[in-house]
Amino acid sequence: MAATGSSARSSLLVQLSPSRSAKISFTVQLILTLFWLAWAVMLLTTENSADGQNYLYYIFFGLALFFLAYVVLQNTSVFGVQSYIEVTPQYIVHKQGVFRTKNITAIPDVETVHISPLALRITERSGNKIYLDLKQVRKRRDLEKIKNKIREMAPVYGFQVTEAPANR
């Protein structure tokens, strides 16, 4: 979707850090994957092909390369921003990575938004509740931009905003 004119200025896109929510950090994942690749290369270069098991080493090496690509795609922006929160006058989009689906909330469907220090709780007019975790936002300034954008849109689009006492 191409944004033109004033709609380009009214859109806010904030990149997230998916590795901050991972159980194993990006650095540890990368080191383990590089050890896996080194082990696979060692097996391929030192093993005799006489025993007939050489094809398993190629599979092992291929899986290591595949996992390396997965780790790099999921935790870096090599191929563009893959994990983000976007706030526009029409919708709020929350995408948590390359291989995950987008969560889209239409602004006309929003009834209330509760702003807490590291989360947005959105209640739709249908009663559906959506929780947007903001712990992955990289910069404090970006976190404030998201909150301010929601506050600005509330009177224009007719939804109520409440805030946790720590934000006031």
N, C-alpha and C. Protein backbone atom coordinates (compact mmCIF):
# COMPACT_ATOMS: atom_id res chain seq x y z
N MET A 1 0.84 -1.16 0.00
CA MET A 1 0.00 0.00 0.00
C MET A 1 0.89 1.23 0.00
N ALA A 2 0.74 2.08 -0.94
CA ALA A 2 1.56 3.28 -1.05
C ALA A 2 0.89 4.42 -0.28
N ALA A 3 1.68 5.07 0.52
CA ALA A 3 1.18 6.20 1.29
C ALA A 3 1.55 7.48 0.56
N THR A 4 0.57 8.35 0.39
CA THR A 4 0.83 9.60 -0.31
C THR A 4 0.29 10.76 0.50
N GLY A 5 0.83 11.94 0.23
CA GLY A 5 0.31 13.16 0.83
C GLY A 5 0.39 13.16 2.34
N SER A 6 -0.70 13.61 2.97
CA SER A 6 -0.71 13.73 4.42
C SER A 6 -0.79 12.38 5.12
N SER A 7 -1.27 11.34 4.43
CA SER A 7 -1.36 10.03 5.08
C SER A 7 0.02 9.46 5.37
N ALA A 8 1.05 9.86 4.60
CA ALA A 8 2.40 9.39 4.87
C ALA A 8 2.91 9.98 6.18
N ARG A 9 2.54 11.22 6.47
CA ARG A 9 2.97 11.86 7.71
C ARG A 9 2.16 11.39 8.90
N SER A 10 0.95 10.88 8.68
CA SER A 10 0.12 10.45 9.79
C SER A 10 0.38 8.99 10.17
N SER A 11 1.26 8.32 9.46
CA SER A 11 1.60 6.93 9.75
C SER A 11 2.86 6.88 10.61
N LEU A 12 2.88 5.98 11.58
CA LEU A 12 4.02 5.80 12.47
C LEU A 12 4.44 4.34 12.42
N LEU A 13 5.69 4.08 12.06
CA LEU A 13 6.24 2.73 11.99
C LEU A 13 7.42 2.65 12.94
N VAL A 14 7.34 1.73 13.91
CA VAL A 14 8.39 1.57 14.91
C VAL A 14 8.90 0.14 14.85
N GLN A 15 10.21 -0.01 14.67
CA GLN A 15 10.84 -1.33 14.59
C GLN A 15 10.97 -1.94 15.98
N LEU A 16 10.76 -3.25 16.06
CA LEU A 16 10.87 -3.99 17.32
C LEU A 16 12.13 -4.84 17.32
N SER A 17 12.53 -5.26 18.49
CA SER A 17 13.68 -6.16 18.67
C SER A 17 13.18 -7.52 19.09
N PRO A 18 12.99 -8.45 18.15
CA PRO A 18 12.44 -9.76 18.54
C PRO A 18 13.37 -10.54 19.45
N SER A 19 14.67 -10.30 19.39
CA SER A 19 15.59 -11.07 20.21
C SER A 19 15.44 -10.75 21.70
N ARG A 20 14.84 -9.62 22.03
CA ARG A 20 14.65 -9.27 23.44
C ARG A 20 13.62 -10.15 24.11
N SER A 21 12.73 -10.73 23.35
CA SER A 21 11.70 -11.58 23.94
C SER A 21 12.06 -13.06 23.82
N ALA A 22 13.16 -13.38 23.18
CA ALA A 22 13.56 -14.78 23.00
C ALA A 22 14.12 -15.35 24.29
N LYS A 23 13.93 -16.64 24.47
CA LYS A 23 14.47 -17.30 25.66
C LYS A 23 15.98 -17.40 25.59
N ILE A 24 16.52 -17.50 24.39
CA ILE A 24 17.97 -17.51 24.16
C ILE A 24 18.29 -16.29 23.31
N SER A 25 19.25 -15.50 23.73
CA SER A 25 19.55 -14.26 23.02
C SER A 25 20.09 -14.54 21.61
N PHE A 26 20.05 -13.51 20.78
CA PHE A 26 20.52 -13.63 19.41
C PHE A 26 21.99 -14.04 19.37
N THR A 27 22.81 -13.47 20.23
CA THR A 27 24.24 -13.79 20.24
C THR A 27 24.47 -15.27 20.55
N VAL A 28 23.76 -15.78 21.53
CA VAL A 28 23.90 -17.20 21.90
C VAL A 28 23.40 -18.09 20.76
N GLN A 29 22.26 -17.72 20.15
CA GLN A 29 21.76 -18.49 19.01
C GLN A 29 22.77 -18.51 17.88
N LEU A 30 23.37 -17.37 17.61
CA LEU A 30 24.35 -17.27 16.52
C LEU A 30 25.60 -18.11 16.83
N ILE A 31 26.10 -18.05 18.05
CA ILE A 31 27.29 -18.82 18.43
C ILE A 31 27.00 -20.32 18.34
N LEU A 32 25.85 -20.75 18.85
CA LEU A 32 25.50 -22.17 18.77
C LEU A 32 25.37 -22.64 17.32
N THR A 33 24.79 -21.80 16.48
CA THR A 33 24.64 -22.15 15.07
C THR A 33 26.00 -22.22 14.37
N LEU A 34 26.89 -21.31 14.70
CA LEU A 34 28.24 -21.35 14.10
C LEU A 34 29.01 -22.59 14.56
N PHE A 35 28.84 -23.00 15.82
CA PHE A 35 29.44 -24.26 16.29
C PHE A 35 28.86 -25.44 15.53
N TRP A 36 27.55 -25.41 15.30
CA TRP A 36 26.88 -26.47 14.56
C TRP A 36 27.45 -26.55 13.14
N LEU A 37 27.60 -25.39 12.49
CA LEU A 37 28.17 -25.37 11.14
C LEU A 37 29.61 -25.88 11.14
N ALA A 38 30.40 -25.47 12.11
CA ALA A 38 31.80 -25.92 12.18
C ALA A 38 31.85 -27.44 12.37
N TRP A 39 30.98 -27.97 13.20
CA TRP A 39 30.94 -29.41 13.43
C TRP A 39 30.56 -30.15 12.14
N ALA A 40 29.57 -29.63 11.43
CA ALA A 40 29.14 -30.25 10.19
C ALA A 40 30.26 -30.22 9.14
N VAL A 41 30.97 -29.11 9.05
CA VAL A 41 32.09 -29.01 8.10
C VAL A 41 33.19 -29.99 8.50
N MET A 42 33.46 -30.08 9.79
CA MET A 42 34.48 -31.02 10.25
C MET A 42 34.10 -32.46 9.90
N LEU A 43 32.83 -32.81 10.09
CA LEU A 43 32.37 -34.16 9.74
C LEU A 43 32.52 -34.42 8.24
N LEU A 44 32.19 -33.42 7.43
CA LEU A 44 32.28 -33.59 5.98
C LEU A 44 33.72 -33.71 5.49
N THR A 45 34.62 -32.99 6.12
CA THR A 45 36.00 -32.99 5.64
C THR A 45 36.85 -34.13 6.21
N THR A 46 36.49 -34.69 7.34
CA THR A 46 37.32 -35.72 7.96
C THR A 46 36.78 -37.13 7.78
N GLU A 47 35.57 -37.28 7.36
CA GLU A 47 34.95 -38.61 7.28
C GLU A 47 35.26 -39.27 5.94
N ASN A 48 35.51 -40.56 6.00
CA ASN A 48 35.65 -41.36 4.77
C ASN A 48 34.27 -41.60 4.19
N SER A 49 34.16 -41.55 2.89
CA SER A 49 32.87 -41.82 2.25
C SER A 49 32.65 -43.30 2.02
N ALA A 50 33.53 -44.13 2.53
CA ALA A 50 33.42 -45.57 2.32
C ALA A 50 32.31 -46.20 3.16
N ASP A 51 31.95 -45.59 4.26
CA ASP A 51 30.95 -46.21 5.13
C ASP A 51 29.51 -45.96 4.69
N GLY A 52 29.29 -45.11 3.72
CA GLY A 52 27.95 -44.89 3.18
C GLY A 52 27.09 -43.94 3.98
N GLN A 53 27.60 -43.32 5.02
CA GLN A 53 26.82 -42.40 5.85
C GLN A 53 27.06 -40.93 5.49
N ASN A 54 27.80 -40.67 4.45
CA ASN A 54 28.18 -39.31 4.08
C ASN A 54 26.96 -38.42 3.77
N TYR A 55 25.89 -38.96 3.22
CA TYR A 55 24.72 -38.17 2.89
C TYR A 55 24.07 -37.59 4.14
N LEU A 56 24.16 -38.26 5.28
CA LEU A 56 23.62 -37.73 6.53
C LEU A 56 24.38 -36.48 6.97
N TYR A 57 25.67 -36.43 6.68
CA TYR A 57 26.46 -35.27 7.04
C TYR A 57 26.07 -34.07 6.18
N TYR A 58 25.73 -34.33 4.92
CA TYR A 58 25.26 -33.25 4.06
C TYR A 58 23.90 -32.72 4.55
N ILE A 59 23.04 -33.61 4.99
CA ILE A 59 21.76 -33.18 5.56
C ILE A 59 22.00 -32.36 6.83
N PHE A 60 22.90 -32.82 7.69
CA PHE A 60 23.25 -32.12 8.91
C PHE A 60 23.78 -30.71 8.59
N PHE A 61 24.63 -30.61 7.58
CA PHE A 61 25.18 -29.33 7.14
C PHE A 61 24.08 -28.43 6.58
N GLY A 62 23.19 -29.00 5.77
CA GLY A 62 22.09 -28.23 5.19
C GLY A 62 21.14 -27.68 6.26
N LEU A 63 20.86 -28.49 7.28
CA LEU A 63 20.01 -28.03 8.37
C LEU A 63 20.68 -26.90 9.16
N ALA A 64 21.99 -27.00 9.33
CA ALA A 64 22.73 -25.93 10.02
C ALA A 64 22.65 -24.63 9.23
N LEU A 65 22.80 -24.70 7.92
CA LEU A 65 22.68 -23.50 7.08
C LEU A 65 21.27 -22.92 7.14
N PHE A 66 20.27 -23.80 7.10
CA PHE A 66 18.88 -23.37 7.18
C PHE A 66 18.61 -22.65 8.51
N PHE A 67 19.11 -23.23 9.61
CA PHE A 67 18.88 -22.61 10.92
C PHE A 67 19.63 -21.29 11.04
N LEU A 68 20.82 -21.19 10.46
CA LEU A 68 21.55 -19.93 10.46
C LEU A 68 20.74 -18.85 9.74
N ALA A 69 20.17 -19.20 8.60
CA ALA A 69 19.34 -18.24 7.86
C ALA A 69 18.12 -17.83 8.69
N TYR A 70 17.49 -18.79 9.37
CA TYR A 70 16.33 -18.49 10.22
C TYR A 70 16.71 -17.52 11.34
N VAL A 71 17.80 -17.78 12.03
CA VAL A 71 18.23 -16.93 13.14
C VAL A 71 18.53 -15.52 12.65
N VAL A 72 19.22 -15.40 11.53
CA VAL A 72 19.56 -14.08 10.99
C VAL A 72 18.31 -13.34 10.55
N LEU A 73 17.40 -14.01 9.85
CA LEU A 73 16.16 -13.36 9.40
C LEU A 73 15.30 -12.92 10.56
N GLN A 74 15.20 -13.74 11.59
CA GLN A 74 14.30 -13.44 12.70
C GLN A 74 14.83 -12.31 13.59
N ASN A 75 16.13 -12.12 13.65
CA ASN A 75 16.69 -11.20 14.62
C ASN A 75 17.39 -9.98 14.04
N THR A 76 17.48 -9.86 12.75
CA THR A 76 18.11 -8.69 12.14
C THR A 76 17.19 -8.12 11.07
N SER A 77 17.53 -6.98 10.57
CA SER A 77 16.73 -6.37 9.51
C SER A 77 17.48 -6.43 8.18
N VAL A 78 18.10 -7.58 7.89
CA VAL A 78 18.85 -7.76 6.66
C VAL A 78 17.96 -7.54 5.44
N PHE A 79 16.73 -8.03 5.47
CA PHE A 79 15.81 -7.91 4.35
C PHE A 79 14.71 -6.90 4.66
N GLY A 80 15.02 -5.87 5.42
CA GLY A 80 14.04 -4.85 5.77
C GLY A 80 13.46 -5.11 7.15
N VAL A 81 12.60 -4.22 7.57
CA VAL A 81 11.99 -4.33 8.90
C VAL A 81 10.98 -5.46 8.88
N GLN A 82 11.20 -6.47 9.71
CA GLN A 82 10.32 -7.63 9.75
C GLN A 82 9.49 -7.70 11.03
N SER A 83 9.86 -6.91 12.01
CA SER A 83 9.17 -6.92 13.29
C SER A 83 8.88 -5.47 13.67
N TYR A 84 7.59 -5.10 13.72
CA TYR A 84 7.27 -3.69 13.90
C TYR A 84 5.87 -3.49 14.46
N ILE A 85 5.63 -2.25 14.90
CA ILE A 85 4.28 -1.77 15.23
C ILE A 85 4.05 -0.57 14.33
N GLU A 86 2.93 -0.57 13.64
CA GLU A 86 2.58 0.54 12.77
C GLU A 86 1.24 1.11 13.23
N VAL A 87 1.18 2.42 13.40
CA VAL A 87 -0.04 3.09 13.82
C VAL A 87 -0.42 4.10 12.74
N THR A 88 -1.59 3.92 12.17
CA THR A 88 -2.11 4.85 11.16
C THR A 88 -3.53 5.23 11.55
N PRO A 89 -4.13 6.21 10.88
CA PRO A 89 -5.52 6.56 11.20
C PRO A 89 -6.53 5.44 10.88
N GLN A 90 -6.14 4.47 10.07
CA GLN A 90 -7.06 3.39 9.71
C GLN A 90 -6.89 2.14 10.57
N TYR A 91 -5.66 1.86 11.03
CA TYR A 91 -5.41 0.60 11.72
C TYR A 91 -4.15 0.66 12.56
N ILE A 92 -4.01 -0.35 13.43
CA ILE A 92 -2.79 -0.59 14.19
C ILE A 92 -2.33 -1.99 13.81
N VAL A 93 -1.08 -2.11 13.36
CA VAL A 93 -0.53 -3.41 12.95
C VAL A 93 0.60 -3.77 13.90
N HIS A 94 0.59 -5.02 14.36
CA HIS A 94 1.66 -5.54 15.21
C HIS A 94 2.19 -6.80 14.54
N LYS A 95 3.44 -6.76 14.09
CA LYS A 95 4.08 -7.90 13.42
C LYS A 95 5.30 -8.28 14.25
N GLN A 96 5.41 -9.54 14.66
CA GLN A 96 6.47 -9.94 15.57
C GLN A 96 7.59 -10.72 14.92
N GLY A 97 7.68 -10.75 13.62
CA GLY A 97 8.80 -11.42 12.98
C GLY A 97 8.45 -11.92 11.60
N VAL A 98 9.47 -12.45 10.94
CA VAL A 98 9.35 -12.89 9.55
C VAL A 98 8.30 -13.98 9.39
N PHE A 99 8.30 -14.95 10.28
CA PHE A 99 7.47 -16.14 10.12
C PHE A 99 6.21 -16.09 10.96
N ARG A 100 5.81 -14.91 11.38
CA ARG A 100 4.60 -14.76 12.19
C ARG A 100 3.60 -13.88 11.46
N THR A 101 2.33 -14.05 11.79
CA THR A 101 1.29 -13.29 11.10
C THR A 101 1.17 -11.89 11.69
N LYS A 102 0.60 -11.00 10.91
CA LYS A 102 0.33 -9.64 11.36
C LYS A 102 -0.96 -9.64 12.18
N ASN A 103 -0.97 -8.88 13.26
CA ASN A 103 -2.18 -8.65 14.03
C ASN A 103 -2.65 -7.24 13.69
N ILE A 104 -3.81 -7.16 13.04
CA ILE A 104 -4.33 -5.87 12.57
C ILE A 104 -5.57 -5.51 13.35
N THR A 105 -5.60 -4.28 13.88
CA THR A 105 -6.75 -3.76 14.60
C THR A 105 -7.23 -2.52 13.87
N ALA A 106 -8.47 -2.54 13.42
CA ALA A 106 -9.04 -1.39 12.72
C ALA A 106 -9.40 -0.31 13.74
N ILE A 107 -9.00 0.92 13.48
CA ILE A 107 -9.25 2.04 14.40
C ILE A 107 -10.75 2.28 14.61
N PRO A 108 -11.62 2.19 13.57
CA PRO A 108 -13.05 2.38 13.83
C PRO A 108 -13.65 1.35 14.80
N ASP A 109 -13.00 0.20 14.96
CA ASP A 109 -13.50 -0.85 15.86
C ASP A 109 -13.03 -0.67 17.30
N VAL A 110 -12.14 0.28 17.55
CA VAL A 110 -11.57 0.45 18.89
C VAL A 110 -12.54 1.22 19.77
N GLU A 111 -12.78 0.68 20.97
CA GLU A 111 -13.63 1.36 21.96
C GLU A 111 -12.77 2.05 23.02
N THR A 112 -11.80 1.30 23.59
CA THR A 112 -10.91 1.89 24.59
C THR A 112 -9.49 1.38 24.38
N VAL A 113 -8.53 2.20 24.82
CA VAL A 113 -7.12 1.82 24.83
C VAL A 113 -6.58 2.17 26.21
N HIS A 114 -6.02 1.18 26.87
CA HIS A 114 -5.38 1.42 28.17
C HIS A 114 -3.87 1.41 27.93
N ILE A 115 -3.22 2.52 28.28
CA ILE A 115 -1.78 2.65 28.09
C ILE A 115 -1.09 2.41 29.42
N SER A 116 -0.27 1.37 29.47
CA SER A 116 0.57 1.11 30.63
C SER A 116 2.01 1.32 30.21
N PRO A 117 2.97 1.31 31.14
CA PRO A 117 4.35 1.64 30.76
C PRO A 117 4.92 0.82 29.60
N LEU A 118 4.61 -0.48 29.53
CA LEU A 118 5.18 -1.31 28.46
C LEU A 118 4.14 -2.13 27.71
N ALA A 119 2.91 -1.62 27.63
CA ALA A 119 1.87 -2.36 26.92
C ALA A 119 0.72 -1.44 26.53
N LEU A 120 -0.02 -1.88 25.52
CA LEU A 120 -1.29 -1.26 25.14
C LEU A 120 -2.36 -2.35 25.22
N ARG A 121 -3.43 -2.08 25.95
CA ARG A 121 -4.55 -3.00 25.99
C ARG A 121 -5.70 -2.35 25.24
N ILE A 122 -6.07 -2.96 24.13
CA ILE A 122 -7.10 -2.42 23.25
C ILE A 122 -8.37 -3.25 23.42
N THR A 123 -9.49 -2.57 23.65
CA THR A 123 -10.79 -3.23 23.71
C THR A 123 -11.59 -2.76 22.50
N GLU A 124 -12.02 -3.71 21.70
CA GLU A 124 -12.81 -3.37 20.52
C GLU A 124 -14.28 -3.25 20.89
N ARG A 125 -15.06 -2.63 20.02
CA ARG A 125 -16.49 -2.45 20.27
C ARG A 125 -17.22 -3.80 20.39
N SER A 126 -16.66 -4.82 19.76
CA SER A 126 -17.26 -6.16 19.83
C SER A 126 -16.93 -6.87 21.14
N GLY A 127 -16.09 -6.25 21.98
CA GLY A 127 -15.71 -6.87 23.24
C GLY A 127 -14.39 -7.62 23.18
N ASN A 128 -13.84 -7.76 21.99
CA ASN A 128 -12.56 -8.44 21.80
C ASN A 128 -11.45 -7.61 22.43
N LYS A 129 -10.56 -8.27 23.20
CA LYS A 129 -9.45 -7.56 23.85
C LYS A 129 -8.14 -7.96 23.20
N ILE A 130 -7.31 -6.97 22.92
CA ILE A 130 -6.02 -7.17 22.26
C ILE A 130 -4.94 -6.58 23.14
N TYR A 131 -3.87 -7.34 23.33
CA TYR A 131 -2.75 -6.91 24.16
C TYR A 131 -1.53 -6.72 23.27
N LEU A 132 -1.00 -5.52 23.22
CA LEU A 132 0.22 -5.25 22.44
C LEU A 132 1.37 -5.03 23.41
N ASP A 133 2.32 -5.95 23.39
CA ASP A 133 3.49 -5.88 24.26
C ASP A 133 4.48 -4.88 23.66
N LEU A 134 4.86 -3.88 24.43
CA LEU A 134 5.78 -2.85 23.95
C LEU A 134 7.19 -3.03 24.50
N LYS A 135 7.48 -4.15 25.12
CA LYS A 135 8.82 -4.39 25.67
C LYS A 135 9.87 -4.47 24.57
N GLN A 136 9.46 -4.81 23.37
CA GLN A 136 10.40 -4.99 22.28
C GLN A 136 10.73 -3.70 21.54
N VAL A 137 10.09 -2.59 21.90
CA VAL A 137 10.39 -1.32 21.26
C VAL A 137 11.81 -0.92 21.64
N ARG A 138 12.62 -0.61 20.65
CA ARG A 138 14.05 -0.39 20.86
C ARG A 138 14.38 0.87 21.65
N LYS A 139 13.69 1.96 21.38
CA LYS A 139 14.06 3.24 21.98
C LYS A 139 12.90 3.80 22.81
N ARG A 140 13.26 4.45 23.90
CA ARG A 140 12.25 5.08 24.76
C ARG A 140 11.49 6.17 23.99
N ARG A 141 12.19 6.86 23.10
CA ARG A 141 11.56 7.90 22.28
C ARG A 141 10.49 7.29 21.37
N ASP A 142 10.76 6.12 20.78
CA ASP A 142 9.78 5.44 19.93
C ASP A 142 8.57 4.99 20.75
N LEU A 143 8.81 4.55 21.97
CA LEU A 143 7.73 4.14 22.86
C LEU A 143 6.80 5.33 23.13
N GLU A 144 7.38 6.48 23.37
CA GLU A 144 6.57 7.69 23.60
C GLU A 144 5.85 8.12 22.33
N LYS A 145 6.46 7.93 21.16
CA LYS A 145 5.80 8.27 19.90
C LYS A 145 4.53 7.45 19.71
N ILE A 146 4.62 6.15 20.02
CA ILE A 146 3.44 5.28 19.88
C ILE A 146 2.33 5.76 20.81
N LYS A 147 2.67 6.01 22.06
CA LYS A 147 1.67 6.43 23.04
C LYS A 147 1.06 7.78 22.67
N ASN A 148 1.90 8.72 22.22
CA ASN A 148 1.39 10.03 21.83
C ASN A 148 0.49 9.94 20.61
N LYS A 149 0.83 9.08 19.66
CA LYS A 149 0.00 8.89 18.46
C LYS A 149 -1.39 8.37 18.86
N ILE A 150 -1.42 7.42 19.79
CA ILE A 150 -2.71 6.88 20.27
C ILE A 150 -3.50 8.00 20.96
N ARG A 151 -2.84 8.78 21.80
CA ARG A 151 -3.51 9.89 22.51
C ARG A 151 -4.07 10.91 21.51
N GLU A 152 -3.32 11.22 20.46
CA GLU A 152 -3.77 12.19 19.45
C GLU A 152 -4.98 11.68 18.68
N MET A 153 -5.00 10.38 18.41
CA MET A 153 -6.08 9.81 17.60
C MET A 153 -7.37 9.62 18.39
N ALA A 154 -7.31 9.52 19.70
CA ALA A 154 -8.48 9.22 20.52
C ALA A 154 -9.63 10.22 20.31
N PRO A 155 -9.42 11.53 20.45
CA PRO A 155 -10.57 12.42 20.26
C PRO A 155 -11.05 12.47 18.81
N VAL A 156 -10.14 12.27 17.87
CA VAL A 156 -10.51 12.34 16.45
C VAL A 156 -11.38 11.15 16.05
N TYR A 157 -11.04 9.96 16.56
CA TYR A 157 -11.75 8.74 16.13
C TYR A 157 -12.70 8.20 17.19
N GLY A 158 -12.87 8.89 18.29
CA GLY A 158 -13.92 8.58 19.25
C GLY A 158 -13.69 7.36 20.11
N PHE A 159 -12.48 7.11 20.53
CA PHE A 159 -12.27 6.04 21.51
C PHE A 159 -11.65 6.63 22.77
N GLN A 160 -11.85 5.93 23.86
CA GLN A 160 -11.39 6.40 25.15
C GLN A 160 -9.99 5.88 25.45
N VAL A 161 -9.14 6.75 26.02
CA VAL A 161 -7.79 6.35 26.42
C VAL A 161 -7.68 6.49 27.93
N THR A 162 -7.23 5.41 28.57
CA THR A 162 -6.92 5.46 30.00
C THR A 162 -5.44 5.11 30.14
N GLU A 163 -4.86 5.61 31.23
CA GLU A 163 -3.42 5.38 31.42
C GLU A 163 -3.14 4.90 32.83
N ALA A 164 -2.10 4.11 32.94
CA ALA A 164 -1.62 3.66 34.25
C ALA A 164 -1.03 4.87 34.96
N PRO A 165 -1.07 4.92 36.28
CA PRO A 165 -0.56 6.08 37.02
C PRO A 165 0.91 6.40 36.74
N ALA A 166 1.74 5.44 36.37
CA ALA A 166 3.16 5.70 36.13
C ALA A 166 3.38 6.56 34.89
N ASN A 167 2.40 6.61 33.97
CA ASN A 167 2.56 7.37 32.73
C ASN A 167 2.16 8.83 32.86
N ARG A 168 1.51 9.20 33.91
CA ARG A 168 0.98 10.56 33.99
C ARG A 168 1.97 11.54 34.51
